[in-house]
C-alpha cells in the first residue's frame, strides 16, 4: 500500500525534477513546492505510524510466545 502511494504520488515528481545520471536538480520549483513538501511530510508520518504498528505487533507476539 505504501509503495503504491509513493510510486503513484511522489515518483512522478521526482522523475520530472531530478536527473538521476548525473545527479542534478532540473526543476527546483517542482521539487521544492508546497505540494511536494506536503507529500513528503505525510509519507513520513505514515511510515512512522506503520513502524510503530509493526513494533507493537512484534511486542505482542513476543509476549504471547513468552506465555506459551
N, C-alpha and C. Protein backbone atom coordinates (compact mmCIF):
# COMPACT_ATOMS: atom_id res chain seq x y z
N UNK A 1 0.82 -1.19 0.00
CA UNK A 1 0.00 0.00 0.00
C UNK A 1 0.87 1.26 0.00
N UNK A 2 1.90 1.26 0.86
CA UNK A 2 2.77 2.43 0.91
C UNK A 2 3.57 2.58 -0.36
N UNK A 3 4.05 1.48 -0.86
CA UNK A 3 4.84 1.54 -2.09
C UNK A 3 3.99 2.09 -3.23
N UNK A 4 2.74 1.68 -3.29
CA UNK A 4 1.83 2.17 -4.34
C UNK A 4 1.63 3.67 -4.20
N UNK A 5 1.43 4.14 -2.96
CA UNK A 5 1.27 5.57 -2.72
C UNK A 5 2.49 6.34 -3.19
N UNK A 6 3.65 5.85 -2.83
CA UNK A 6 4.89 6.53 -3.20
C UNK A 6 5.09 6.50 -4.71
N UNK A 7 4.89 5.35 -5.31
CA UNK A 7 5.10 5.23 -6.76
C UNK A 7 4.14 6.10 -7.54
N UNK A 8 2.88 6.14 -7.11
CA UNK A 8 1.88 6.90 -7.88
C UNK A 8 1.90 8.39 -7.57
N UNK A 9 2.31 8.78 -6.37
CA UNK A 9 2.22 10.17 -5.98
C UNK A 9 3.54 10.92 -6.07
N UNK A 10 4.58 10.33 -5.55
CA UNK A 10 5.83 11.06 -5.40
C UNK A 10 6.83 10.83 -6.53
N UNK A 11 6.92 9.62 -6.99
CA UNK A 11 7.93 9.30 -8.01
C UNK A 11 7.78 10.15 -9.27
N UNK A 12 6.56 10.40 -9.76
CA UNK A 12 6.46 11.26 -10.95
C UNK A 12 7.08 12.65 -10.73
N UNK A 13 6.92 13.21 -9.55
CA UNK A 13 7.54 14.50 -9.26
C UNK A 13 9.06 14.39 -9.26
N UNK A 14 9.55 13.36 -8.61
CA UNK A 14 11.00 13.17 -8.52
C UNK A 14 11.59 12.97 -9.91
N UNK A 15 10.93 12.17 -10.71
CA UNK A 15 11.43 11.89 -12.06
C UNK A 15 11.46 13.17 -12.91
N UNK A 16 10.46 14.03 -12.74
CA UNK A 16 10.42 15.28 -13.51
C UNK A 16 11.42 16.31 -12.98
N UNK A 17 11.70 16.27 -11.68
CA UNK A 17 12.50 17.33 -11.07
C UNK A 17 13.98 17.01 -10.99
N UNK A 18 14.34 15.72 -10.91
CA UNK A 18 15.73 15.34 -10.68
C UNK A 18 16.25 14.46 -11.80
N UNK A 19 17.41 14.81 -12.31
CA UNK A 19 18.11 13.94 -13.26
C UNK A 19 18.92 12.96 -12.42
N UNK A 20 18.77 11.68 -12.69
CA UNK A 20 19.44 10.66 -11.89
C UNK A 20 20.92 10.54 -12.27
N UNK A 21 21.19 10.48 -13.56
CA UNK A 21 22.58 10.33 -14.01
C UNK A 21 22.91 11.42 -15.01
N UNK A 22 23.78 12.33 -14.74
CA UNK A 22 24.39 12.60 -13.44
C UNK A 22 23.37 13.28 -12.53
N UNK A 23 23.54 13.12 -11.25
CA UNK A 23 22.60 13.64 -10.27
C UNK A 23 22.56 15.17 -10.33
N UNK A 24 21.36 15.69 -10.67
CA UNK A 24 21.22 17.14 -10.81
C UNK A 24 19.74 17.50 -10.69
N UNK A 25 19.46 18.56 -9.94
CA UNK A 25 18.09 19.05 -9.86
C UNK A 25 17.81 19.87 -11.11
N UNK A 26 16.83 19.40 -11.89
CA UNK A 26 16.50 20.06 -13.15
C UNK A 26 15.37 21.07 -12.99
N UNK A 27 14.46 20.83 -12.06
CA UNK A 27 13.31 21.72 -11.88
C UNK A 27 13.10 21.98 -10.39
N UNK A 28 13.86 22.90 -9.80
CA UNK A 28 13.75 23.15 -8.37
C UNK A 28 12.37 23.61 -7.94
N UNK A 29 11.67 24.37 -8.80
CA UNK A 29 10.33 24.83 -8.44
C UNK A 29 9.37 23.67 -8.24
N UNK A 30 9.49 22.67 -9.06
CA UNK A 30 8.64 21.49 -8.93
C UNK A 30 9.00 20.70 -7.68
N UNK A 31 10.27 20.57 -7.43
CA UNK A 31 10.75 19.78 -6.30
C UNK A 31 10.49 20.45 -4.96
N UNK A 32 10.60 21.76 -4.91
CA UNK A 32 10.50 22.47 -3.63
C UNK A 32 9.17 23.19 -3.43
N UNK A 33 8.15 22.85 -4.18
CA UNK A 33 6.86 23.50 -3.94
C UNK A 33 6.16 22.89 -2.73
N UNK A 34 5.16 23.58 -2.23
CA UNK A 34 4.49 23.13 -1.01
C UNK A 34 3.79 21.79 -1.20
N UNK A 35 3.28 21.50 -2.38
CA UNK A 35 2.57 20.25 -2.63
C UNK A 35 3.49 19.05 -2.42
N UNK A 36 4.67 19.10 -3.01
CA UNK A 36 5.63 18.01 -2.86
C UNK A 36 6.11 17.91 -1.42
N UNK A 37 6.35 19.04 -0.79
CA UNK A 37 6.77 19.04 0.61
C UNK A 37 5.69 18.42 1.49
N UNK A 38 4.44 18.75 1.23
CA UNK A 38 3.34 18.14 1.99
C UNK A 38 3.30 16.63 1.80
N UNK A 39 3.52 16.17 0.56
CA UNK A 39 3.53 14.72 0.31
C UNK A 39 4.65 14.05 1.11
N UNK A 40 5.80 14.69 1.18
CA UNK A 40 6.92 14.11 1.94
C UNK A 40 6.56 14.02 3.41
N UNK A 41 6.03 15.10 3.98
CA UNK A 41 5.67 15.12 5.40
C UNK A 41 4.62 14.06 5.70
N UNK A 42 3.60 13.96 4.86
CA UNK A 42 2.54 12.97 5.08
C UNK A 42 3.06 11.55 4.93
N UNK A 43 3.93 11.33 3.98
CA UNK A 43 4.51 10.00 3.79
C UNK A 43 5.38 9.61 4.98
N UNK A 44 6.17 10.54 5.48
CA UNK A 44 6.99 10.25 6.66
C UNK A 44 6.11 9.90 7.85
N UNK A 45 5.03 10.66 8.04
CA UNK A 45 4.10 10.36 9.13
C UNK A 45 3.48 8.99 8.98
N UNK A 46 3.10 8.63 7.77
CA UNK A 46 2.52 7.32 7.52
C UNK A 46 3.54 6.21 7.80
N UNK A 47 4.78 6.42 7.39
CA UNK A 47 5.82 5.43 7.63
C UNK A 47 6.11 5.27 9.13
N UNK A 48 6.09 6.39 9.87
CA UNK A 48 6.31 6.32 11.31
C UNK A 48 5.18 5.56 12.00
N UNK A 49 3.94 5.83 11.59
CA UNK A 49 2.80 5.11 12.15
C UNK A 49 2.90 3.62 11.87
N UNK A 50 3.27 3.28 10.65
CA UNK A 50 3.40 1.87 10.27
C UNK A 50 4.51 1.20 11.08
N UNK A 51 5.63 1.88 11.23
CA UNK A 51 6.75 1.34 12.01
C UNK A 51 6.31 1.08 13.45
N UNK A 52 5.59 2.03 14.04
CA UNK A 52 5.11 1.85 15.41
C UNK A 52 4.13 0.69 15.50
N UNK A 53 3.27 0.54 14.51
CA UNK A 53 2.32 -0.56 14.49
C UNK A 53 3.05 -1.90 14.42
N UNK A 54 4.07 -1.98 13.56
CA UNK A 54 4.86 -3.22 13.46
C UNK A 54 5.58 -3.53 14.77
N UNK A 55 6.14 -2.50 15.41
CA UNK A 55 6.83 -2.70 16.68
C UNK A 55 5.85 -3.20 17.74
N UNK A 56 4.66 -2.60 17.80
CA UNK A 56 3.65 -3.04 18.76
C UNK A 56 3.25 -4.49 18.51
N UNK A 57 3.10 -4.84 17.24
CA UNK A 57 2.72 -6.21 16.88
C UNK A 57 3.81 -7.19 17.28
N UNK A 58 5.05 -6.85 17.02
CA UNK A 58 6.17 -7.72 17.41
C UNK A 58 6.19 -7.90 18.92
N UNK A 59 5.98 -6.82 19.67
CA UNK A 59 5.95 -6.91 21.13
C UNK A 59 4.83 -7.83 21.60
N UNK A 60 3.66 -7.72 21.00
CA UNK A 60 2.54 -8.58 21.37
C UNK A 60 2.85 -10.04 21.06
N UNK A 61 3.45 -10.30 19.91
CA UNK A 61 3.81 -11.67 19.55
C UNK A 61 4.81 -12.23 20.54
N UNK A 62 5.80 -11.42 20.91
CA UNK A 62 6.80 -11.87 21.89
C UNK A 62 6.16 -12.16 23.24
N UNK A 63 5.20 -11.34 23.67
CA UNK A 63 4.50 -11.58 24.92
C UNK A 63 3.70 -12.88 24.86
N UNK A 64 3.05 -13.12 23.74
CA UNK A 64 2.29 -14.37 23.58
C UNK A 64 3.22 -15.57 23.59
N UNK A 65 4.35 -15.45 22.90
CA UNK A 65 5.31 -16.55 22.90
C UNK A 65 5.86 -16.82 24.30
N UNK A 66 6.08 -15.79 25.06
CA UNK A 66 6.55 -15.98 26.44
C UNK A 66 5.49 -16.67 27.30
N UNK A 67 4.23 -16.39 27.04
CA UNK A 67 3.16 -17.04 27.78
C UNK A 67 3.04 -18.52 27.41
N UNK A 68 3.36 -18.83 26.19
CA UNK A 68 3.27 -20.22 25.72
C UNK A 68 4.41 -21.00 26.33
